[in-house]
Amino acid sequence: MSEPDDKIEIESITSPGRTERVNRAKYTAMREALLPVLPESPPGLKVAEAKEALLPDLDQGLFPGGAKAGWWLKAVQLDLEAKGIIARGTAKPVRLYRCT
């Protein structure tokens, strides 16, 4: 596990060229919980469905009772979209799926 002050730079599809430094352990835990629950093709899962699906596997030491999971899910989602690892379906509400 990484140190509490160990940071990672993330991007956002909504702010191209801008990066933020966030806690590496929390980012990694959320990414590892999110990717397996997303389907490999559209239309994908609604964000709320993805959150519900990943919560049981989320590191409880980092996210006790799911605390702050919504914020971290959004941060990881936007970063992975910026990197082309996941994408949004075309329908509303937002649905996410893994890119192949």
PDB file of N, CA and C in Angstrom:
ATOM      1  N   MET A   1       0.846  -1.175   0.000  1.00  0.00           N
ATOM      2  CA  MET A   1       0.000   0.000   0.000  1.00  0.00           C
ATOM      3  C   MET A   1       0.887   1.232   0.000  1.00  0.00           C
ATOM      4  N   SER A   2       0.386   2.307  -0.603  1.00  0.00           N
ATOM      5  CA  SER A   2       1.174   3.527  -0.697  1.00  0.00           C
ATOM      6  C   SER A   2       1.057   4.361   0.575  1.00  0.00           C
ATOM      7  N   GLU A   3       1.965   5.295   0.725  1.00  0.00           N
ATOM      8  CA  GLU A   3       1.965   6.199   1.865  1.00  0.00           C
ATOM      9  C   GLU A   3       0.761   7.134   1.762  1.00  0.00           C
ATOM     10  N   PRO A   4       0.245   7.638   2.890  1.00  0.00           N
ATOM     11  CA  PRO A   4      -0.923   8.519   2.849  1.00  0.00           C
ATOM     12  C   PRO A   4      -0.732   9.766   1.998  1.00  0.00           C
ATOM     13  N   ASP A   5       0.502  10.277   1.922  1.00  0.00           N
ATOM     14  CA  ASP A   5       0.734  11.484   1.129  1.00  0.00           C
ATOM     15  C   ASP A   5       1.231  11.171  -0.277  1.00  0.00           C
ATOM     16  N   ASP A   6       1.210   9.899  -0.672  1.00  0.00           N
ATOM     17  CA  ASP A   6       1.609   9.502  -2.014  1.00  0.00           C
ATOM     18  C   ASP A   6       0.520   9.946  -2.988  1.00  0.00           C
ATOM     19  N   LYS A   7       0.892  10.730  -3.977  1.00  0.00           N
ATOM     20  CA  LYS A   7      -0.071  11.314  -4.895  1.00  0.00           C
ATOM     21  C   LYS A   7       0.119  10.791  -6.324  1.00  0.00           C
ATOM     22  N   ILE A   8      -0.948  10.906  -7.098  1.00  0.00           N
ATOM     23  CA  ILE A   8      -0.929  10.553  -8.505  1.00  0.00           C
ATOM     24  C   ILE A   8      -1.613  11.689  -9.259  1.00  0.00           C
ATOM     25  N   GLU A   9      -1.142  11.995 -10.449  1.00  0.00           N
ATOM     26  CA  GLU A   9      -1.776  13.030 -11.269  1.00  0.00           C
ATOM     27  C   GLU A   9      -2.868  12.401 -12.103  1.00  0.00           C
ATOM     28  N   ILE A  10      -4.046  13.033 -12.071  1.00  0.00           N
ATOM     29  CA  ILE A  10      -5.160  12.558 -12.881  1.00  0.00           C
ATOM     30  C   ILE A  10      -5.611  13.676 -13.815  1.00  0.00           C
ATOM     31  N   GLU A  11      -6.274  13.274 -14.886  1.00  0.00           N
ATOM     32  CA  GLU A  11      -6.804  14.206 -15.875  1.00  0.00           C
ATOM     33  C   GLU A  11      -8.320  14.241 -15.757  1.00  0.00           C
ATOM     34  N   SER A  12      -8.925  15.097 -16.543  1.00  0.00           N
ATOM     35  CA  SER A  12     -10.386  15.135 -16.622  1.00  0.00           C
ATOM     36  C   SER A  12     -10.785  15.398 -18.061  1.00  0.00           C
ATOM     37  N   ILE A  13     -11.723  14.612 -18.546  1.00  0.00           N
ATOM     38  CA  ILE A  13     -12.209  14.812 -19.910  1.00  0.00           C
ATOM     39  C   ILE A  13     -12.889  16.168 -20.051  1.00  0.00           C
ATOM     40  N   THR A  14     -13.372  16.731 -18.946  1.00  0.00           N
ATOM     41  CA  THR A  14     -14.061  18.021 -18.999  1.00  0.00           C
ATOM     42  C   THR A  14     -13.117  19.214 -18.952  1.00  0.00           C
ATOM     43  N   SER A  15     -11.854  18.993 -18.593  1.00  0.00           N
ATOM     44  CA  SER A  15     -10.850  20.071 -18.531  1.00  0.00           C
ATOM     45  C   SER A  15      -9.561  19.598 -19.183  1.00  0.00           C
ATOM     46  N   PRO A  16      -9.540  19.479 -20.502  1.00  0.00           N
ATOM     47  CA  PRO A  16      -8.345  18.982 -21.197  1.00  0.00           C
ATOM     48  C   PRO A  16      -7.095  19.796 -20.847  1.00  0.00           C
ATOM     49  N   GLY A  17      -5.990  19.084 -20.627  1.00  0.00           N
ATOM     50  CA  GLY A  17      -4.723  19.724 -20.326  1.00  0.00           C
ATOM     51  C   GLY A  17      -4.521  20.067 -18.861  1.00  0.00           C
ATOM     52  N   ARG A  18      -5.546  19.944 -18.060  1.00  0.00           N
ATOM     53  CA  ARG A  18      -5.441  20.254 -16.636  1.00  0.00           C
ATOM     54  C   ARG A  18      -5.312  18.949 -15.858  1.00  0.00           C
ATOM     55  N   THR A  19      -4.447  18.951 -14.855  1.00  0.00           N
ATOM     56  CA  THR A  19      -4.294  17.768 -14.010  1.00  0.00           C
ATOM     57  C   THR A  19      -4.491  18.149 -12.548  1.00  0.00           C
ATOM     58  N   GLU A  20      -4.810  17.148 -11.761  1.00  0.00           N
ATOM     59  CA  GLU A  20      -4.948  17.300 -10.307  1.00  0.00           C
ATOM     60  C   GLU A  20      -4.137  16.201  -9.660  1.00  0.00           C
ATOM     61  N   ARG A  21      -3.603  16.495  -8.485  1.00  0.00           N
ATOM     62  CA  ARG A  21      -2.886  15.479  -7.717  1.00  0.00           C
ATOM     63  C   ARG A  21      -3.817  14.969  -6.633  1.00  0.00           C
ATOM     64  N   VAL A  22      -3.997  13.644  -6.604  1.00  0.00           N
ATOM     65  CA  VAL A  22      -4.901  13.026  -5.634  1.00  0.00           C
ATOM     66  C   VAL A  22      -4.204  11.850  -4.965  1.00  0.00           C
ATOM     67  N   ASN A  23      -4.806  11.368  -3.916  1.00  0.00           N
ATOM     68  CA  ASN A  23      -4.270  10.241  -3.153  1.00  0.00           C
ATOM     69  C   ASN A  23      -4.204   8.989  -4.036  1.00  0.00           C
ATOM     70  N   ARG A  24      -3.012   8.450  -4.174  1.00  0.00           N
ATOM     71  CA  ARG A  24      -2.790   7.288  -5.038  1.00  0.00           C
ATOM     72  C   ARG A  24      -3.551   6.051  -4.565  1.00  0.00           C
ATOM     73  N   ALA A  25      -3.543   5.783  -3.271  1.00  0.00           N
ATOM     74  CA  ALA A  25      -4.185   4.576  -2.742  1.00  0.00           C
ATOM     75  C   ALA A  25      -5.689   4.597  -3.001  1.00  0.00           C
ATOM     76  N   LYS A  26      -6.328   5.735  -2.759  1.00  0.00           N
ATOM     77  CA  LYS A  26      -7.770   5.828  -2.977  1.00  0.00           C
ATOM     78  C   LYS A  26      -8.104   5.760  -4.460  1.00  0.00           C
ATOM     79  N   TYR A  27      -7.308   6.436  -5.287  1.00  0.00           N
ATOM     80  CA  TYR A  27      -7.531   6.380  -6.733  1.00  0.00           C
ATOM     81  C   TYR A  27      -7.422   4.934  -7.229  1.00  0.00           C
ATOM     82  N   THR A  28      -6.353   4.266  -6.840  1.00  0.00           N
ATOM     83  CA  THR A  28      -6.110   2.899  -7.299  1.00  0.00           C
ATOM     84  C   THR A  28      -7.204   1.948  -6.821  1.00  0.00           C
ATOM     85  N   ALA A  29      -7.619   2.091  -5.572  1.00  0.00           N
ATOM     86  CA  ALA A  29      -8.672   1.230  -5.036  1.00  0.00           C
ATOM     87  C   ALA A  29      -9.970   1.424  -5.811  1.00  0.00           C
ATOM     88  N   MET A  30     -10.317   2.668  -6.112  1.00  0.00           N
ATOM     89  CA  MET A  30     -11.553   2.923  -6.854  1.00  0.00           C
ATOM     90  C   MET A  30     -11.439   2.417  -8.284  1.00  0.00           C
ATOM     91  N   ARG A  31     -10.314   2.631  -8.907  1.00  0.00           N
ATOM     92  CA  ARG A  31     -10.127   2.154 -10.278  1.00  0.00           C
ATOM     93  C   ARG A  31     -10.250   0.626 -10.332  1.00  0.00           C
ATOM     94  N   GLU A  32      -9.612  -0.052  -9.383  1.00  0.00           N
ATOM     95  CA  GLU A  32      -9.649  -1.514  -9.359  1.00  0.00           C
ATOM     96  C   GLU A  32     -11.047  -2.051  -9.051  1.00  0.00           C
ATOM     97  N   ALA A  33     -11.855  -1.270  -8.346  1.00  0.00           N
ATOM     98  CA  ALA A  33     -13.233  -1.685  -8.069  1.00  0.00           C
ATOM     99  C   ALA A  33     -14.159  -1.358  -9.242  1.00  0.00           C
ATOM    100  N   LEU A  34     -13.898  -0.252  -9.935  1.00  0.00           N
ATOM    101  CA  LEU A  34     -14.777   0.201 -11.014  1.00  0.00           C
ATOM    102  C   LEU A  34     -14.642  -0.612 -12.299  1.00  0.00           C
ATOM    103  N   LEU A  35     -13.431  -0.799 -12.760  1.00  0.00           N
ATOM    104  CA  LEU A  35     -13.246  -1.427 -14.075  1.00  0.00           C
ATOM    105  C   LEU A  35     -13.903  -2.798 -14.212  1.00  0.00           C
ATOM    106  N   PRO A  36     -13.807  -3.681 -13.234  1.00  0.00           N
ATOM    107  CA  PRO A  36     -14.438  -4.994 -13.402  1.00  0.00           C
ATOM    108  C   PRO A  36     -15.970  -4.965 -13.481  1.00  0.00           C
ATOM    109  N   VAL A  37     -16.604  -3.937 -12.942  1.00  0.00           N
ATOM    110  CA  VAL A  37     -18.071  -3.918 -12.968  1.00  0.00           C
ATOM    111  C   VAL A  37     -18.631  -3.324 -14.251  1.00  0.00           C
ATOM    112  N   LEU A  38     -17.796  -2.636 -15.022  1.00  0.00           N
ATOM    113  CA  LEU A  38     -18.281  -2.019 -16.254  1.00  0.00           C
ATOM    114  C   LEU A  38     -18.307  -3.019 -17.397  1.00  0.00           C
ATOM    115  N   PRO A  39     -19.381  -3.008 -18.191  1.00  0.00           N
ATOM    116  CA  PRO A  39     -19.436  -3.889 -19.362  1.00  0.00           C
ATOM    117  C   PRO A  39     -18.467  -3.409 -20.438  1.00  0.00           C
ATOM    118  N   GLU A  40     -18.189  -4.287 -21.394  1.00  0.00           N
ATOM    119  CA  GLU A  40     -17.237  -3.968 -22.466  1.00  0.00           C
ATOM    120  C   GLU A  40     -17.886  -3.334 -23.685  1.00  0.00           C
ATOM    121  N   SER A  41     -19.180  -3.053 -23.619  1.00  0.00           N
ATOM    122  CA  SER A  41     -19.835  -2.448 -24.776  1.00  0.00           C
ATOM    123  C   SER A  41     -20.994  -1.562 -24.313  1.00  0.00           C
ATOM    124  N   PRO A  42     -21.393  -0.632 -25.189  1.00  0.00           N
ATOM    125  CA  PRO A  42     -22.529   0.225 -24.859  1.00  0.00           C
ATOM    126  C   PRO A  42     -23.798  -0.607 -24.768  1.00  0.00           C
ATOM    127  N   PRO A  43     -24.821  -0.185 -24.090  1.00  0.00           N
ATOM    128  CA  PRO A  43     -24.954   1.159 -23.551  1.00  0.00           C
ATOM    129  C   PRO A  43     -24.213   1.367 -22.240  1.00  0.00           C
ATOM    130  N   GLY A  44     -23.805   0.335 -21.533  1.00  0.00           N
ATOM    131  CA  GLY A  44     -23.060   0.486 -20.288  1.00  0.00           C
ATOM    132  C   GLY A  44     -23.957   0.550 -19.077  1.00  0.00           C
ATOM    133  N   LEU A  45     -23.336   0.837 -17.937  1.00  0.00           N
ATOM    134  CA  LEU A  45     -24.043   0.959 -16.661  1.00  0.00           C
ATOM    135  C   LEU A  45     -24.233   2.427 -16.311  1.00  0.00           C
ATOM    136  N   LYS A  46     -25.387   2.738 -15.713  1.00  0.00           N
ATOM    137  CA  LYS A  46     -25.568   4.073 -15.161  1.00  0.00           C
ATOM    138  C   LYS A  46     -24.539   4.232 -14.047  1.00  0.00           C
ATOM    139  N   VAL A  47     -24.120   5.462 -13.799  1.00  0.00           N
ATOM    140  CA  VAL A  47     -23.112   5.723 -12.767  1.00  0.00           C
ATOM    141  C   VAL A  47     -23.593   5.197 -11.414  1.00  0.00           C
ATOM    142  N   ALA A  48     -24.856   5.415 -11.082  1.00  0.00           N
ATOM    143  CA  ALA A  48     -25.389   4.936  -9.809  1.00  0.00           C
ATOM    144  C   ALA A  48     -25.346   3.409  -9.733  1.00  0.00           C
ATOM    145  N   GLU A  49     -25.610   2.742 -10.857  1.00  0.00           N
ATOM    146  CA  GLU A  49     -25.540   1.275 -10.892  1.00  0.00           C
ATOM    147  C   GLU A  49     -24.103   0.806 -10.710  1.00  0.00           C
ATOM    148  N   ALA A  50     -23.168   1.496 -11.333  1.00  0.00           N
ATOM    149  CA  ALA A  50     -21.755   1.147 -11.186  1.00  0.00           C
ATOM    150  C   ALA A  50     -21.316   1.304  -9.730  1.00  0.00           C
ATOM    151  N   LYS A  51     -21.745   2.395  -9.097  1.00  0.00           N
ATOM    152  CA  LYS A  51     -21.387   2.623  -7.695  1.00  0.00           C
ATOM    153  C   LYS A  51     -21.945   1.513  -6.814  1.00  0.00           C
ATOM    154  N   GLU A  52     -23.199   1.167  -7.033  1.00  0.00           N
ATOM    155  CA  GLU A  52     -23.821   0.100  -6.249  1.00  0.00           C
ATOM    156  C   GLU A  52     -23.090  -1.227  -6.439  1.00  0.00           C
ATOM    157  N   ALA A  53     -22.667  -1.501  -7.667  1.00  0.00           N
ATOM    158  CA  ALA A  53     -21.986  -2.763  -7.969  1.00  0.00           C
ATOM    159  C   ALA A  53     -20.581  -2.822  -7.371  1.00  0.00           C
ATOM    160  N   LEU A  54     -19.893  -1.686  -7.297  1.00  0.00           N
ATOM    161  CA  LEU A  54     -18.500  -1.713  -6.823  1.00  0.00           C
ATOM    162  C   LEU A  54     -18.363  -1.599  -5.320  1.00  0.00           C
ATOM    163  N   LEU A  55     -19.361  -1.051  -4.643  1.00  0.00           N
ATOM    164  CA  LEU A  55     -19.245  -0.831  -3.194  1.00  0.00           C
ATOM    165  C   LEU A  55     -18.863  -2.078  -2.394  1.00  0.00           C
ATOM    166  N   PRO A  56     -19.438  -3.257  -2.674  1.00  0.00           N
ATOM    167  CA  PRO A  56     -19.050  -4.428  -1.875  1.00  0.00           C
ATOM    168  C   PRO A  56     -17.568  -4.797  -1.987  1.00  0.00           C
ATOM    169  N   ASP A  57     -16.925  -4.450  -3.089  1.00  0.00           N
ATOM    170  CA  ASP A  57     -15.518  -4.806  -3.284  1.00  0.00           C
ATOM    171  C   ASP A  57     -14.558  -3.668  -2.987  1.00  0.00           C
ATOM    172  N   LEU A  58     -15.085  -2.539  -2.562  1.00  0.00           N
ATOM    173  CA  LEU A  58     -14.251  -1.366  -2.294  1.00  0.00           C
ATOM    174  C   LEU A  58     -13.527  -1.534  -0.961  1.00  0.00           C
ATOM    175  N   ASP A  59     -12.266  -1.155  -0.924  1.00  0.00           N
ATOM    176  CA  ASP A  59     -11.437  -1.254   0.277  1.00  0.00           C
ATOM    177  C   ASP A  59     -12.074  -0.467   1.428  1.00  0.00           C
ATOM    178  N   GLN A  60     -12.563  -1.173   2.441  1.00  0.00           N
ATOM    179  CA  GLN A  60     -13.235  -0.531   3.569  1.00  0.00           C
ATOM    180  C   GLN A  60     -12.270   0.251   4.462  1.00  0.00           C
ATOM    181  N   GLY A  61     -10.996  -0.063   4.380  1.00  0.00           N
ATOM    182  CA  GLY A  61     -10.010   0.719   5.128  1.00  0.00           C
ATOM    183  C   GLY A  61      -9.872   2.119   4.568  1.00  0.00           C
ATOM    184  N   LEU A  62     -10.028   2.255   3.265  1.00  0.00           N
ATOM    185  CA  LEU A  62      -9.922   3.555   2.607  1.00  0.00           C
ATOM    186  C   LEU A  62     -11.279   4.252   2.494  1.00  0.00           C
ATOM    187  N   PHE A  63     -12.340   3.467   2.356  1.00  0.00           N
ATOM    188  CA  PHE A  63     -13.687   4.005   2.169  1.00  0.00           C
ATOM    189  C   PHE A  63     -14.641   3.357   3.180  1.00  0.00           C
ATOM    190  N   PRO A  64     -14.492   3.649   4.472  1.00  0.00           N
ATOM    191  CA  PRO A  64     -15.347   3.002   5.474  1.00  0.00           C
ATOM    192  C   PRO A  64     -16.824   3.298   5.216  1.00  0.00           C
ATOM    193  N   GLY A  65     -17.591   2.231   5.045  1.00  0.00           N
ATOM    194  CA  GLY A  65     -19.016   2.384   4.773  1.00  0.00           C
ATOM    195  C   GLY A  65     -19.317   3.081   3.464  1.00  0.00           C
ATOM    196  N   GLY A  66     -18.344   3.117   2.564  1.00  0.00           N
ATOM    197  CA  GLY A  66     -18.549   3.779   1.275  1.00  0.00           C
ATOM    198  C   GLY A  66     -18.348   5.286   1.325  1.00  0.00           C
ATOM    199  N   ALA A  67     -17.789   5.793   2.415  1.00  0.00           N
ATOM    200  CA  ALA A  67     -17.585   7.234   2.568  1.00  0.00           C
ATOM    201  C   ALA A  67     -16.741   7.795   1.430  1.00  0.00           C
ATOM    202  N   LYS A  68     -17.219   8.864   0.858  1.00  0.00           N
ATOM    203  CA  LYS A  68     -16.542   9.594  -0.233  1.00  0.00           C
ATOM    204  C   LYS A  68     -16.431   8.790  -1.526  1.00  0.00           C
ATOM    205  N   ALA A  69     -17.097   7.643  -1.609  1.00  0.00           N
ATOM    206  CA  ALA A  69     -17.004   6.809  -2.811  1.00  0.00           C
ATOM    207  C   ALA A  69     -17.541   7.532  -4.039  1.00  0.00           C
ATOM    208  N   GLY A  70     -18.580   8.325  -3.881  1.00  0.00           N
ATOM    209  CA  GLY A  70     -19.154   9.047  -5.019  1.00  0.00           C
ATOM    210  C   GLY A  70     -18.166  10.025  -5.636  1.00  0.00           C
ATOM    211  N   TRP A  71     -17.467  10.779  -4.782  1.00  0.00           N
ATOM    212  CA  TRP A  71     -16.489  11.744  -5.283  1.00  0.00           C
ATOM    213  C   TRP A  71     -15.354  11.024  -6.009  1.00  0.00           C
ATOM    214  N   TRP A  72     -14.849   9.958  -5.401  1.00  0.00           N
ATOM    215  CA  TRP A  72     -13.738   9.220  -6.003  1.00  0.00           C
ATOM    216  C   TRP A  72     -14.174   8.505  -7.280  1.00  0.00           C
ATOM    217  N   LEU A  73     -15.396   8.010  -7.311  1.00  0.00           N
ATOM    218  CA  LEU A  73     -15.901   7.391  -8.537  1.00  0.00           C
ATOM    219  C   LEU A  73     -15.894   8.407  -9.670  1.00  0.00           C
ATOM    220  N   LYS A  74     -16.377   9.621  -9.414  1.00  0.00           N
ATOM    221  CA  LYS A  74     -16.404  10.661 -10.448  1.00  0.00           C
ATOM    222  C   LYS A  74     -14.989  11.033 -10.879  1.00  0.00           C
ATOM    223  N   ALA A  75     -14.070  11.175  -9.938  1.00  0.00           N
ATOM    224  CA  ALA A  75     -12.688  11.533 -10.273  1.00  0.00           C
ATOM    225  C   ALA A  75     -12.048  10.463 -11.157  1.00  0.00           C
ATOM    226  N   VAL A  76     -12.228   9.202 -10.783  1.00  0.00           N
ATOM    227  CA  VAL A  76     -11.662   8.102 -11.568  1.00  0.00           C
ATOM    228  C   VAL A  76     -12.357   8.014 -12.924  1.00  0.00           C
ATOM    229  N   GLN A  77     -13.677   8.175 -12.940  1.00  0.00           N
ATOM    230  CA  GLN A  77     -14.422   8.141 -14.197  1.00  0.00           C
ATOM    231  C   GLN A  77     -13.878   9.173 -15.187  1.00  0.00           C
ATOM    232  N   LEU A  78     -13.748  10.421 -14.747  1.00  0.00           N
ATOM    233  CA  LEU A  78     -13.288  11.479 -15.646  1.00  0.00           C
ATOM    234  C   LEU A  78     -11.857  11.242 -16.114  1.00  0.00           C
ATOM    235  N   ASP A  79     -11.008  10.726 -15.231  1.00  0.00           N
ATOM    236  CA  ASP A  79      -9.630  10.417 -15.613  1.00  0.00           C
ATOM    237  C   ASP A  79      -9.581   9.289 -16.636  1.00  0.00           C
ATOM    238  N   LEU A  80     -10.320   8.224 -16.388  1.00  0.00           N
ATOM    239  CA  LEU A  80     -10.310   7.091 -17.319  1.00  0.00           C
ATOM    240  C   LEU A  80     -10.941   7.450 -18.654  1.00  0.00           C
ATOM    241  N   GLU A  81     -11.926   8.337 -18.646  1.00  0.00           N
ATOM    242  CA  GLU A  81     -12.490   8.820 -19.911  1.00  0.00           C
ATOM    243  C   GLU A  81     -11.444   9.625 -20.676  1.00  0.00           C
ATOM    244  N   ALA A  82     -10.717  10.489 -19.979  1.00  0.00           N
ATOM    245  CA  ALA A  82      -9.682  11.295 -20.619  1.00  0.00           C
ATOM    246  C   ALA A  82      -8.596  10.422 -21.231  1.00  0.00           C
ATOM    247  N   LYS A  83      -8.331   9.284 -20.614  1.00  0.00           N
ATOM    248  CA  LYS A  83      -7.293   8.368 -21.096  1.00  0.00           C
ATOM    249  C   LYS A  83      -7.821   7.370 -22.127  1.00  0.00           C
ATOM    250  N   GLY A  84      -9.133   7.383 -22.398  1.00  0.00           N
ATOM    251  CA  GLY A  84      -9.710   6.471 -23.374  1.00  0.00           C
ATOM    252  C   GLY A  84      -9.876   5.044 -22.882  1.00  0.00           C
ATOM    253  N   ILE A  85      -9.878   4.843 -21.577  1.00  0.00           N
ATOM    254  CA  ILE A  85     -10.016   3.505 -21.000  1.00  0.00           C
ATOM    255  C   ILE A  85     -11.487   3.137 -20.834  1.00  0.00           C
ATOM    256  N   ILE A  86     -12.303   4.144 -20.513  1.00  0.00           N
ATOM    257  CA  ILE A  86     -13.744   3.942 -20.477  1.00  0.00           C
ATOM    258  C   ILE A  86     -14.396   5.026 -21.322  1.00  0.00           C
ATOM    259  N   ALA A  87     -15.670   4.822 -21.649  1.00  0.00           N
ATOM    260  CA  ALA A  87     -16.399   5.799 -22.457  1.00  0.00           C
ATOM    261  C   ALA A  87     -17.832   5.884 -21.965  1.00  0.00           C
ATOM    262  N   ARG A  88     -18.501   6.954 -22.402  1.00  0.00           N
ATOM    263  CA  ARG A  88     -19.912   7.151 -22.092  1.00  0.00           C
ATOM    264  C   ARG A  88     -20.748   6.666 -23.259  1.00  0.00           C
ATOM    265  N   GLY A  89     -21.871   6.049 -22.938  1.00  0.00           N
ATOM    266  CA  GLY A  89     -22.837   5.725 -23.971  1.00  0.00           C
ATOM    267  C   GLY A  89     -23.487   7.013 -24.462  1.00  0.00           C
ATOM    268  N   THR A  90     -24.236   6.931 -25.540  1.00  0.00           N
ATOM    269  CA  THR A  90     -24.835   8.128 -26.120  1.00  0.00           C
ATOM    270  C   THR A  90     -26.152   8.527 -25.470  1.00  0.00           C
ATOM    271  N   ALA A  91     -26.820   7.612 -24.776  1.00  0.00           N
ATOM    272  CA  ALA A  91     -28.116   7.891 -24.169  1.00  0.00           C
ATOM    273  C   ALA A  91     -27.970   8.583 -22.818  1.00  0.00           C
ATOM    274  N   LYS A  92     -29.031   9.254 -22.407  1.00  0.00           N
ATOM    275  CA  LYS A  92     -29.096   9.838 -21.073  1.00  0.00           C
ATOM    276  C   LYS A  92     -29.880   8.879 -20.192  1.00  0.00           C
ATOM    277  N   PRO A  93     -29.613   8.761 -18.914  1.00  0.00           N
ATOM    278  CA  PRO A  93     -28.502   9.367 -18.197  1.00  0.00           C
ATOM    279  C   PRO A  93     -27.171   8.738 -18.586  1.00  0.00           C
ATOM    280  N   VAL A  94     -26.095   9.327 -18.089  1.00  0.00           N
ATOM    281  CA  VAL A  94     -24.747   8.853 -18.402  1.00  0.00           C
ATOM    282  C   VAL A  94     -24.619   7.375 -18.050  1.00  0.00           C
ATOM    283  N   ARG A  95     -24.116   6.623 -19.017  1.00  0.00           N
ATOM    284  CA  ARG A  95     -23.817   5.206 -18.823  1.00  0.00           C
ATOM    285  C   ARG A  95     -22.362   4.996 -19.227  1.00  0.00           C
ATOM    286  N   LEU A  96     -21.679   4.161 -18.482  1.00  0.00           N
ATOM    287  CA  LEU A  96     -20.236   3.949 -18.693  1.00  0.00           C
ATOM    288  C   LEU A  96     -19.961   2.515 -19.131  1.00  0.00           C
ATOM    289  N   TYR A  97     -18.961   2.362 -19.993  1.00  0.00           N
ATOM    290  CA  TYR A  97     -18.508   1.042 -20.397  1.00  0.00           C
ATOM    291  C   TYR A  97     -17.006   1.096 -20.676  1.00  0.00           C
ATOM    292  N   ARG A  98     -16.365  -0.080 -20.600  1.00  0.00           N
ATOM    293  CA  ARG A  98     -14.931  -0.169 -20.880  1.00  0.00           C
ATOM    294  C   ARG A  98     -14.704  -0.139 -22.385  1.00  0.00           C
ATOM    295  N   CYS A  99     -13.657   0.520 -22.803  1.00  0.00           N
ATOM    296  CA  CYS A  99     -13.261   0.508 -24.211  1.00  0.00           C
ATOM    297  C   CYS A  99     -12.438  -0.757 -24.462  1.00  0.00           C
ATOM    298  N   THR A 100     -12.608  -1.340 -25.620  1.00  0.00           N
ATOM    299  CA  THR A 100     -11.836  -2.554 -25.930  1.00  0.00           C
ATOM    300  C   THR A 100     -10.655  -2.237 -26.798  1.00  0.00           C
TER     301      THR A 100
END
